[in-house]
PDB file of N, CA and C in Angstrom:
ATOM      1  N   UNK A   1    -262.029-139.553   6.559  1.00  0.00           N
ATOM      2  CA  UNK A   1    -262.766-138.342   6.852  1.00  0.00           C
ATOM      3  C   UNK A   1    -261.878-137.146   6.510  1.00  0.00           C
ATOM      4  N   UNK A   2    -262.411-136.164   5.878  1.00  0.00           N
ATOM      5  CA  UNK A   2    -261.677-134.979   5.454  1.00  0.00           C
ATOM      6  C   UNK A   2    -261.575-133.965   6.588  1.00  0.00           C
ATOM      7  N   UNK A   3    -260.341-133.456   6.800  1.00  0.00           N
ATOM      8  CA  UNK A   3    -260.135-132.485   7.874  1.00  0.00           C
ATOM      9  C   UNK A   3    -260.604-131.107   7.421  1.00  0.00           C
ATOM     10  N   UNK A   4    -261.360-130.447   8.269  1.00  0.00           N
ATOM     11  CA  UNK A   4    -261.892-129.128   7.972  1.00  0.00           C
ATOM     12  C   UNK A   4    -260.869-128.065   8.369  1.00  0.00           C
ATOM     13  N   UNK A   5    -260.508-127.166   7.472  1.00  0.00           N
ATOM     14  CA  UNK A   5    -259.595-126.076   7.781  1.00  0.00           C
ATOM     15  C   UNK A   5    -260.324-125.002   8.573  1.00  0.00           C
ATOM     16  N   UNK A   6    -259.623-124.420   9.554  1.00  0.00           N
ATOM     17  CA  UNK A   6    -260.213-123.377  10.386  1.00  0.00           C
ATOM     18  C   UNK A   6    -259.959-122.014   9.767  1.00  0.00           C
ATOM     19  N   UNK A   7    -260.847-121.106  10.029  1.00  0.00           N
ATOM     20  CA  UNK A   7    -260.649-119.731   9.592  1.00  0.00           C
ATOM     21  C   UNK A   7    -259.802-119.014  10.643  1.00  0.00           C
ATOM     22  N   UNK A   8    -259.318-117.845  10.302  1.00  0.00           N
ATOM     23  CA  UNK A   8    -258.488-117.075  11.226  1.00  0.00           C
ATOM     24  C   UNK A   8    -259.236-116.762  12.521  1.00  0.00           C
ATOM     25  N   UNK A   9    -260.515-116.573  12.461  1.00  0.00           N
ATOM     26  CA  UNK A   9    -261.301-116.260  13.671  1.00  0.00           C
ATOM     27  C   UNK A   9    -261.490-117.483  14.558  1.00  0.00           C
ATOM     28  N   UNK A  10    -261.345-118.660  14.010  1.00  0.00           N
ATOM     29  CA  UNK A  10    -261.544-119.889  14.782  1.00  0.00           C
ATOM     30  C   UNK A  10    -260.264-120.379  15.461  1.00  0.00           C
ATOM     31  N   UNK A  11    -259.139-119.848  15.054  1.00  0.00           N
ATOM     32  CA  UNK A  11    -257.862-120.284  15.619  1.00  0.00           C
ATOM     33  C   UNK A  11    -257.643-119.578  16.954  1.00  0.00           C
ATOM     34  N   UNK A  12    -257.258-120.361  17.961  1.00  0.00           N
ATOM     35  CA  UNK A  12    -256.957-119.785  19.264  1.00  0.00           C
ATOM     36  C   UNK A  12    -255.647-119.022  19.164  1.00  0.00           C
ATOM     37  N   UNK A  13    -255.649-117.755  19.588  1.00  0.00           N
ATOM     38  CA  UNK A  13    -254.406-116.979  19.487  1.00  0.00           C
ATOM     39  C   UNK A  13    -253.337-117.523  20.412  1.00  0.00           C
ATOM     40  N   UNK A  14    -252.083-117.340  20.019  1.00  0.00           N
ATOM     41  CA  UNK A  14    -250.940-117.765  20.827  1.00  0.00           C
ATOM     42  C   UNK A  14    -250.650-116.732  21.897  1.00  0.00           C
ATOM     43  N   UNK A  15    -249.436-116.738  22.405  1.00  0.00           N
ATOM     44  CA  UNK A  15    -249.060-115.767  23.439  1.00  0.00           C
ATOM     45  C   UNK A  15    -249.227-114.336  22.943  1.00  0.00           C
ATOM     46  N   UNK A  16    -249.669-113.497  23.817  1.00  0.00           N
ATOM     47  CA  UNK A  16    -249.911-112.106  23.470  1.00  0.00           C
ATOM     48  C   UNK A  16    -248.952-111.221  24.260  1.00  0.00           C
ATOM     49  N   UNK A  17    -248.291-110.311  23.578  1.00  0.00           N
ATOM     50  CA  UNK A  17    -247.433-109.345  24.248  1.00  0.00           C
ATOM     51  C   UNK A  17    -248.323-108.196  24.688  1.00  0.00           C
ATOM     52  N   UNK A  18    -248.570-108.138  25.987  1.00  0.00           N
ATOM     53  CA  UNK A  18    -249.478-107.123  26.496  1.00  0.00           C
ATOM     54  C   UNK A  18    -248.860-105.733  26.508  1.00  0.00           C
ATOM     55  N   UNK A  19    -247.576-105.671  26.859  1.00  0.00           N
ATOM     56  CA  UNK A  19    -246.901-104.390  26.924  1.00  0.00           C
ATOM     57  C   UNK A  19    -245.487-104.566  26.399  1.00  0.00           C
ATOM     58  N   UNK A  20    -245.261-104.237  25.129  1.00  0.00           N
ATOM     59  CA  UNK A  20    -243.911-104.400  24.596  1.00  0.00           C
ATOM     60  C   UNK A  20    -242.933-103.461  25.292  1.00  0.00           C
ATOM     61  N   UNK A  21    -241.738-103.977  25.572  1.00  0.00           N
ATOM     62  CA  UNK A  21    -240.718-103.177  26.229  1.00  0.00           C
ATOM     63  C   UNK A  21    -239.380-103.397  25.520  1.00  0.00           C
ATOM     64  N   UNK A  22    -238.435-102.535  25.815  1.00  0.00           N
ATOM     65  CA  UNK A  22    -237.099-102.694  25.246  1.00  0.00           C
ATOM     66  C   UNK A  22    -236.301-103.664  26.109  1.00  0.00           C
ATOM     67  N   UNK A  23    -235.123-104.029  25.631  1.00  0.00           N
ATOM     68  CA  UNK A  23    -234.277-104.937  26.398  1.00  0.00           C
ATOM     69  C   UNK A  23    -233.769-104.288  27.681  1.00  0.00           C
ATOM     70  N   UNK A  24    -233.842-102.964  27.762  1.00  0.00           N
ATOM     71  CA  UNK A  24    -233.423-102.288  28.992  1.00  0.00           C
ATOM     72  C   UNK A  24    -234.299-102.690  30.166  1.00  0.00           C
ATOM     73  N   UNK A  25    -235.538-103.093  29.879  1.00  0.00           N
ATOM     74  CA  UNK A  25    -236.441-103.510  30.940  1.00  0.00           C
ATOM     75  C   UNK A  25    -236.467-105.021  31.126  1.00  0.00           C
ATOM     76  N   UNK A  26    -235.852-105.759  30.214  1.00  0.00           N
ATOM     77  CA  UNK A  26    -235.812-107.217  30.294  1.00  0.00           C
ATOM     78  C   UNK A  26    -234.367-107.676  30.433  1.00  0.00           C
ATOM     79  N   UNK A  27    -233.964-107.997  31.631  1.00  0.00           N
ATOM     80  CA  UNK A  27    -232.605-108.484  31.853  1.00  0.00           C
ATOM     81  C   UNK A  27    -232.493-109.861  31.219  1.00  0.00           C
ATOM     82  N   UNK A  28    -231.534-110.022  30.313  1.00  0.00           N
ATOM     83  CA  UNK A  28    -231.464-111.245  29.516  1.00  0.00           C
ATOM     84  C   UNK A  28    -230.271-112.126  29.851  1.00  0.00           C
ATOM     85  N   UNK A  29    -229.475-111.757  30.818  1.00  0.00           N
ATOM     86  CA  UNK A  29    -228.257-112.508  31.101  1.00  0.00           C
ATOM     87  C   UNK A  29    -228.414-113.649  32.085  1.00  0.00           C
ATOM     88  N   UNK A  30    -229.594-113.878  32.597  1.00  0.00           N
ATOM     89  CA  UNK A  30    -229.776-114.865  33.651  1.00  0.00           C
ATOM     90  C   UNK A  30    -229.743-116.315  33.226  1.00  0.00           C
ATOM     91  N   UNK A  31    -229.799-116.606  31.953  1.00  0.00           N
ATOM     92  CA  UNK A  31    -229.883-118.005  31.530  1.00  0.00           C
ATOM     93  C   UNK A  31    -228.583-118.549  30.950  1.00  0.00           C
ATOM     94  N   UNK A  32    -227.514-117.776  30.993  1.00  0.00           N
ATOM     95  CA  UNK A  32    -226.269-118.227  30.373  1.00  0.00           C
ATOM     96  C   UNK A  32    -225.603-119.345  31.187  1.00  0.00           C
ATOM     97  N   UNK A  33    -224.788-120.149  30.493  1.00  0.00           N
ATOM     98  CA  UNK A  33    -224.016-121.217  31.127  1.00  0.00           C
ATOM     99  C   UNK A  33    -222.563-120.810  31.331  1.00  0.00           C
ATOM    100  N   UNK A  34    -222.074-119.934  30.440  1.00  0.00           N
ATOM    101  CA  UNK A  34    -220.695-119.459  30.524  1.00  0.00           C
ATOM    102  C   UNK A  34    -220.699-117.945  30.637  1.00  0.00           C
ATOM    103  N   UNK A  35    -219.644-117.433  31.258  1.00  0.00           N
ATOM    104  CA  UNK A  35    -219.548-115.995  31.458  1.00  0.00           C
ATOM    105  C   UNK A  35    -218.145-115.544  31.033  1.00  0.00           C
ATOM    106  N   UNK A  36    -218.054-114.453  30.252  1.00  0.00           N
ATOM    107  CA  UNK A  36    -216.728-113.979  29.860  1.00  0.00           C
ATOM    108  C   UNK A  36    -216.073-113.193  30.992  1.00  0.00           C
ATOM    109  N   UNK A  37    -214.817-113.480  31.223  1.00  0.00           N
ATOM    110  CA  UNK A  37    -214.034-112.750  32.225  1.00  0.00           C
ATOM    111  C   UNK A  37    -212.890-112.055  31.500  1.00  0.00           C
ATOM    112  N   UNK A  38    -212.757-110.753  31.705  1.00  0.00           N
ATOM    113  CA  UNK A  38    -211.731-109.959  31.043  1.00  0.00           C
ATOM    114  C   UNK A  38    -210.583-109.692  32.010  1.00  0.00           C
ATOM    115  N   UNK A  39    -209.371-109.982  31.551  1.00  0.00           N
ATOM    116  CA  UNK A  39    -208.172-109.586  32.286  1.00  0.00           C
ATOM    117  C   UNK A  39    -207.832-108.181  31.786  1.00  0.00           C
ATOM    118  N   UNK A  40    -208.277-107.183  32.495  1.00  0.00           N
ATOM    119  CA  UNK A  40    -208.190-105.797  32.032  1.00  0.00           C
ATOM    120  C   UNK A  40    -206.736-105.352  31.837  1.00  0.00           C
ATOM    121  N   UNK A  41    -205.801-105.981  32.530  1.00  0.00           N
ATOM    122  CA  UNK A  41    -204.389-105.638  32.352  1.00  0.00           C
ATOM    123  C   UNK A  41    -203.858-106.099  30.993  1.00  0.00           C
ATOM    124  N   UNK A  42    -204.447-107.138  30.433  1.00  0.00           N
ATOM    125  CA  UNK A  42    -204.035-107.629  29.118  1.00  0.00           C
ATOM    126  C   UNK A  42    -204.744-106.910  27.974  1.00  0.00           C
ATOM    127  N   UNK A  43    -205.834-106.223  28.277  1.00  0.00           N
ATOM    128  CA  UNK A  43    -206.639-105.562  27.241  1.00  0.00           C
ATOM    129  C   UNK A  43    -205.821-104.471  26.543  1.00  0.00           C
ATOM    130  N   UNK A  44    -205.784-104.536  25.209  1.00  0.00           N
ATOM    131  CA  UNK A  44    -205.029-103.553  24.419  1.00  0.00           C
ATOM    132  C   UNK A  44    -205.945-102.469  23.840  1.00  0.00           C
ATOM    133  N   UNK A  45    -207.236-102.550  24.118  1.00  0.00           N
ATOM    134  CA  UNK A  45    -208.171-101.526  23.645  1.00  0.00           C
ATOM    135  C   UNK A  45    -208.496-101.613  22.174  1.00  0.00           C
ATOM    136  N   UNK A  46    -208.410-102.793  21.583  1.00  0.00           N
ATOM    137  CA  UNK A  46    -208.711-102.937  20.150  1.00  0.00           C
ATOM    138  C   UNK A  46    -210.207-102.785  19.851  1.00  0.00           C
ATOM    139  N   UNK A  47    -211.043-103.034  20.849  1.00  0.00           N
ATOM    140  CA  UNK A  47    -212.501-102.905  20.778  1.00  0.00           C
ATOM    141  C   UNK A  47    -213.180-103.948  19.885  1.00  0.00           C
ATOM    142  N   UNK A  48    -212.476-105.015  19.523  1.00  0.00           N
ATOM    143  CA  UNK A  48    -213.131-106.077  18.752  1.00  0.00           C
ATOM    144  C   UNK A  48    -214.326-106.642  19.504  1.00  0.00           C
ATOM    145  N   UNK A  49    -214.169-106.876  20.791  1.00  0.00           N
ATOM    146  CA  UNK A  49    -215.283-107.427  21.579  1.00  0.00           C
ATOM    147  C   UNK A  49    -216.464-106.474  21.585  1.00  0.00           C
ATOM    148  N   UNK A  50    -216.196-105.208  21.713  1.00  0.00           N
ATOM    149  CA  UNK A  50    -217.244-104.180  21.730  1.00  0.00           C
ATOM    150  C   UNK A  50    -217.975-104.125  20.389  1.00  0.00           C
ATOM    151  N   UNK A  51    -217.219-104.229  19.291  1.00  0.00           N
ATOM    152  CA  UNK A  51    -217.801-104.167  17.951  1.00  0.00           C
ATOM    153  C   UNK A  51    -218.672-105.387  17.664  1.00  0.00           C
ATOM    154  N   UNK A  52    -218.179-106.572  18.019  1.00  0.00           N
ATOM    155  CA  UNK A  52    -218.849-107.806  17.627  1.00  0.00           C
ATOM    156  C   UNK A  52    -219.897-108.319  18.609  1.00  0.00           C
ATOM    157  N   UNK A  53    -220.001-107.749  19.781  1.00  0.00           N
ATOM    158  CA  UNK A  53    -220.984-108.227  20.762  1.00  0.00           C
ATOM    159  C   UNK A  53    -222.400-108.071  20.207  1.00  0.00           C
ATOM    160  N   UNK A  54    -223.131-109.183  20.034  1.00  0.00           N
ATOM    161  CA  UNK A  54    -224.478-109.091  19.461  1.00  0.00           C
ATOM    162  C   UNK A  54    -225.510-108.472  20.402  1.00  0.00           C
ATOM    163  N   UNK A  55    -225.194-108.396  21.675  1.00  0.00           N
ATOM    164  CA  UNK A  55    -226.137-107.844  22.648  1.00  0.00           C
ATOM    165  C   UNK A  55    -225.787-106.420  23.069  1.00  0.00           C
ATOM    166  N   UNK A  56    -224.699-105.890  22.574  1.00  0.00           N
ATOM    167  CA  UNK A  56    -224.235-104.545  22.927  1.00  0.00           C
ATOM    168  C   UNK A  56    -224.131-104.378  24.445  1.00  0.00           C
ATOM    169  N   UNK A  57    -223.663-105.412  25.112  1.00  0.00           N
ATOM    170  CA  UNK A  57    -223.526-105.335  26.572  1.00  0.00           C
ATOM    171  C   UNK A  57    -222.100-105.019  26.993  1.00  0.00           C
ATOM    172  N   UNK A  58    -221.224-104.782  26.019  1.00  0.00           N
ATOM    173  CA  UNK A  58    -219.853-104.378  26.327  1.00  0.00           C
ATOM    174  C   UNK A  58    -219.739-102.881  26.092  1.00  0.00           C
ATOM    175  N   UNK A  59    -219.246-102.196  27.094  1.00  0.00           N
ATOM    176  CA  UNK A  59    -219.062-100.747  26.966  1.00  0.00           C
ATOM    177  C   UNK A  59    -217.577-100.422  27.018  1.00  0.00           C
ATOM    178  N   UNK A  60    -217.221 -99.303  26.432  1.00  0.00           N
ATOM    179  CA  UNK A  60    -215.826 -98.886  26.417  1.00  0.00           C
ATOM    180  C   UNK A  60    -215.660 -97.669  27.324  1.00  0.00           C
ATOM    181  N   UNK A  61    -214.465 -97.524  27.843  1.00  0.00           N
ATOM    182  CA  UNK A  61    -214.161 -96.383  28.695  1.00  0.00           C
ATOM    183  C   UNK A  61    -212.667 -96.113  28.635  1.00  0.00           C
ATOM    184  N   UNK A  62    -212.264 -94.964  29.101  1.00  0.00           N
ATOM    185  CA  UNK A  62    -210.846 -94.627  29.196  1.00  0.00           C
ATOM    186  C   UNK A  62    -210.395 -94.824  30.631  1.00  0.00           C
ATOM    187  N   UNK A  63    -209.264 -95.510  30.796  1.00  0.00           N
ATOM    188  CA  UNK A  63    -208.731 -95.675  32.147  1.00  0.00           C
ATOM    189  C   UNK A  63    -207.975 -94.411  32.570  1.00  0.00           C
ATOM    190  N   UNK A  64    -207.334 -94.459  33.719  1.00  0.00           N
ATOM    191  CA  UNK A  64    -206.640 -93.267  34.236  1.00  0.00           C
ATOM    192  C   UNK A  64    -205.482 -92.828  33.349  1.00  0.00           C
ATOM    193  N   UNK A  65    -204.985 -93.726  32.485  1.00  0.00           N
ATOM    194  CA  UNK A  65    -203.898 -93.392  31.558  1.00  0.00           C
ATOM    195  C   UNK A  65    -204.413 -93.021  30.169  1.00  0.00           C
ATOM    196  N   UNK A  66    -205.713 -92.785  30.063  1.00  0.00           N
ATOM    197  CA  UNK A  66    -206.364 -92.420  28.796  1.00  0.00           C
ATOM    198  C   UNK A  66    -206.313 -93.538  27.757  1.00  0.00           C
ATOM    199  N   UNK A  67    -206.185 -94.792  28.203  1.00  0.00           N
ATOM    200  CA  UNK A  67    -206.205 -95.937  27.296  1.00  0.00           C
ATOM    201  C   UNK A  67    -207.609 -96.514  27.267  1.00  0.00           C
ATOM    202  N   UNK A  68    -208.042 -96.936  26.069  1.00  0.00           N
ATOM    203  CA  UNK A  68    -209.370 -97.528  25.943  1.00  0.00           C
ATOM    204  C   UNK A  68    -209.396 -98.902  26.590  1.00  0.00           C
ATOM    205  N   UNK A  69    -210.425 -99.163  27.365  1.00  0.00           N
ATOM    206  CA  UNK A  69    -210.659-100.458  27.999  1.00  0.00           C
ATOM    207  C   UNK A  69    -212.142-100.790  27.833  1.00  0.00           C
ATOM    208  N   UNK A  70    -212.511-102.010  28.190  1.00  0.00           N
ATOM    209  CA  UNK A  70    -213.905-102.433  28.064  1.00  0.00           C
ATOM    210  C   UNK A  70    -214.388-103.082  29.353  1.00  0.00           C
ATOM    211  N   UNK A  71    -215.695-103.062  29.541  1.00  0.00           N
ATOM    212  CA  UNK A  71    -216.304-103.792  30.647  1.00  0.00           C
ATOM    213  C   UNK A  71    -217.617-104.384  30.152  1.00  0.00           C
ATOM    214  N   UNK A  72    -218.054-105.436  30.810  1.00  0.00           N
ATOM    215  CA  UNK A  72    -219.239-106.181  30.388  1.00  0.00           C
ATOM    216  C   UNK A  72    -220.366-105.951  31.381  1.00  0.00           C
ATOM    217  N   UNK A  73    -221.551-105.676  30.854  1.00  0.00           N
ATOM    218  CA  UNK A  73    -222.741-105.590  31.684  1.00  0.00           C
ATOM    219  C   UNK A  73    -223.352-106.987  31.736  1.00  0.00           C
ATOM    220  N   UNK A  74    -223.134-107.698  32.834  1.00  0.00           N
ATOM    221  CA  UNK A  74    -223.568-109.083  32.957  1.00  0.00           C
ATOM    222  C   UNK A  74    -225.079-109.239  33.065  1.00  0.00           C
ATOM    223  N   UNK A  75    -225.808-108.156  33.277  1.00  0.00           N
ATOM    224  CA  UNK A  75    -227.268-108.228  33.284  1.00  0.00           C
ATOM    225  C   UNK A  75    -227.809-108.595  31.905  1.00  0.00           C
ATOM    226  N   UNK A  76    -227.031-108.284  30.856  1.00  0.00           N
ATOM    227  CA  UNK A  76    -227.494-108.525  29.489  1.00  0.00           C
ATOM    228  C   UNK A  76    -226.644-109.523  28.717  1.00  0.00           C
ATOM    229  N   UNK A  77    -225.465-109.866  29.218  1.00  0.00           N
ATOM    230  CA  UNK A  77    -224.577-110.804  28.532  1.00  0.00           C
ATOM    231  C   UNK A  77    -225.183-112.202  28.558  1.00  0.00           C
ATOM    232  N   UNK A  78    -225.259-112.825  27.377  1.00  0.00           N
ATOM    233  CA  UNK A  78    -225.826-114.168  27.271  1.00  0.00           C
ATOM    234  C   UNK A  78    -224.769-115.255  27.228  1.00  0.00           C
ATOM    235  N   UNK A  79    -223.499-114.871  27.327  1.00  0.00           N
ATOM    236  CA  UNK A  79    -222.431-115.852  27.395  1.00  0.00           C
ATOM    237  C   UNK A  79    -222.159-116.571  26.091  1.00  0.00           C
ATOM    238  N   UNK A  80    -222.333-115.893  24.973  1.00  0.00           N
ATOM    239  CA  UNK A  80    -222.168-116.540  23.665  1.00  0.00           C
ATOM    240  C   UNK A  80    -220.710-116.819  23.335  1.00  0.00           C
ATOM    241  N   UNK A  81    -219.772-116.050  23.883  1.00  0.00           N
ATOM    242  CA  UNK A  81    -218.357-116.285  23.659  1.00  0.00           C
ATOM    243  C   UNK A  81    -217.769-115.600  22.441  1.00  0.00           C
ATOM    244  N   UNK A  82    -218.556-114.806  21.739  1.00  0.00           N
ATOM    245  CA  UNK A  82    -218.043-114.109  20.564  1.00  0.00           C
ATOM    246  C   UNK A  82    -216.921-113.158  20.964  1.00  0.00           C
ATOM    247  N   UNK A  83    -217.065-112.484  22.077  1.00  0.00           N
ATOM    248  CA  UNK A  83    -216.026-111.551  22.521  1.00  0.00           C
ATOM    249  C   UNK A  83    -214.692-112.261  22.709  1.00  0.00           C
ATOM    250  N   UNK A  84    -214.713-113.436  23.312  1.00  0.00           N
ATOM    251  CA  UNK A  84    -213.481-114.192  23.523  1.00  0.00           C
ATOM    252  C   UNK A  84    -212.907-114.688  22.199  1.00  0.00           C
ATOM    253  N   UNK A  85    -213.778-115.033  21.266  1.00  0.00           N
ATOM    254  CA  UNK A  85    -213.327-115.556  19.971  1.00  0.00           C
ATOM    255  C   UNK A  85    -212.663-114.482  19.112  1.00  0.00           C
ATOM    256  N   UNK A  86    -213.120-113.237  19.210  1.00  0.00           N
ATOM    257  CA  UNK A  86    -212.571-112.177  18.354  1.00  0.00           C
ATOM    258  C   UNK A  86    -211.438-111.397  19.012  1.00  0.00           C
ATOM    259  N   UNK A  87    -211.169-111.667  20.264  1.00  0.00           N
ATOM    260  CA  UNK A  87    -210.092-110.960  20.964  1.00  0.00           C
ATOM    261  C   UNK A  87    -208.740-111.455  20.460  1.00  0.00           C
ATOM    262  N   UNK A  88    -207.872-110.534  20.000  1.00  0.00           N
ATOM    263  CA  UNK A  88    -206.578-110.957  19.464  1.00  0.00           C
ATOM    264  C   UNK A  88    -205.531-111.268  20.536  1.00  0.00           C
ATOM    265  N   UNK A  89    -205.811-110.938  21.791  1.00  0.00           N
ATOM    266  CA  UNK A  89    -204.839-111.145  22.863  1.00  0.00           C
ATOM    267  C   UNK A  89    -205.149-112.459  23.572  1.00  0.00           C
ATOM    268  N   UNK A  90    -204.180-113.348  23.591  1.00  0.00           N
ATOM    269  CA  UNK A  90    -204.372-114.671  24.195  1.00  0.00           C
ATOM    270  C   UNK A  90    -204.766-114.553  25.667  1.00  0.00           C
ATOM    271  N   UNK A  91    -205.849-115.212  26.007  1.00  0.00           N
ATOM    272  CA  UNK A  91    -206.377-115.293  27.376  1.00  0.00           C
ATOM    273  C   UNK A  91    -206.748-113.944  27.980  1.00  0.00           C
ATOM    274  N   UNK A  92    -206.988-112.943  27.171  1.00  0.00           N
ATOM    275  CA  UNK A  92    -207.481-111.679  27.720  1.00  0.00           C
ATOM    276  C   UNK A  92    -208.939-111.831  28.124  1.00  0.00           C
ATOM    277  N   UNK A  93    -209.719-112.499  27.281  1.00  0.00           N
ATOM    278  CA  UNK A  93    -211.106-112.804  27.607  1.00  0.00           C
ATOM    279  C   UNK A  93    -211.241-114.335  27.607  1.00  0.00           C
ATOM    280  N   UNK A  94    -211.608-114.889  28.731  1.00  0.00           N
ATOM    281  CA  UNK A  94    -211.812-116.338  28.837  1.00  0.00           C
ATOM    282  C   UNK A  94    -213.253-116.607  29.257  1.00  0.00           C
ATOM    283  N   UNK A  95    -213.779-117.703  28.754  1.00  0.00           N
ATOM    284  CA  UNK A  95    -215.137-118.095  29.102  1.00  0.00           C
ATOM    285  C   UNK A  95    -215.070-119.087  30.257  1.00  0.00           C
ATOM    286  N   UNK A  96    -215.741-118.745  31.346  1.00  0.00           N
ATOM    287  CA  UNK A  96    -215.769-119.608  32.522  1.00  0.00           C
ATOM    288  C   UNK A  96    -217.193-120.114  32.742  1.00  0.00           C
ATOM    289  N   UNK A  97    -217.299-121.363  33.192  1.00  0.00           N
ATOM    290  CA  UNK A  97    -218.620-121.908  33.506  1.00  0.00           C
ATOM    291  C   UNK A  97    -219.191-121.123  34.678  1.00  0.00           C
ATOM    292  N   UNK A  98    -220.444-120.741  34.532  1.00  0.00           N
ATOM    293  CA  UNK A  98    -221.082-119.940  35.588  1.00  0.00           C
ATOM    294  C   UNK A  98    -221.684-120.830  36.643  1.00  0.00           C
TER     295      UNK A  98
END
C-alpha cells in the first residue's frame, strides 16, 4: 500500500513558543552537573574565561587594588568547563561536581 504524503495544513504543529523571551528571563544554570569554582587569589586577570564563556555568565570587575578579576553568575552557567580549560593559571578555576 502506498503511503499518502500530508500537506502542511494536515501536519500537527509541534511545540509553540507563546511568548519569546531573552535568556535574562530563563535561568539556564539549573541542569548542570559540574560547577566552576574560581580561586580569586590565583586569578591574574587575563580574562580568557570571560572571553571564551559561551553563555556570557562571567563578568569582570576591579578589586580594591584596581586589578581585574572575574566572577560567575551561576544562574546562567551551564558547567561546560571552557573557562577552566582556557585559564592559564593552574587550579585557578576547577570544575567540581555539583
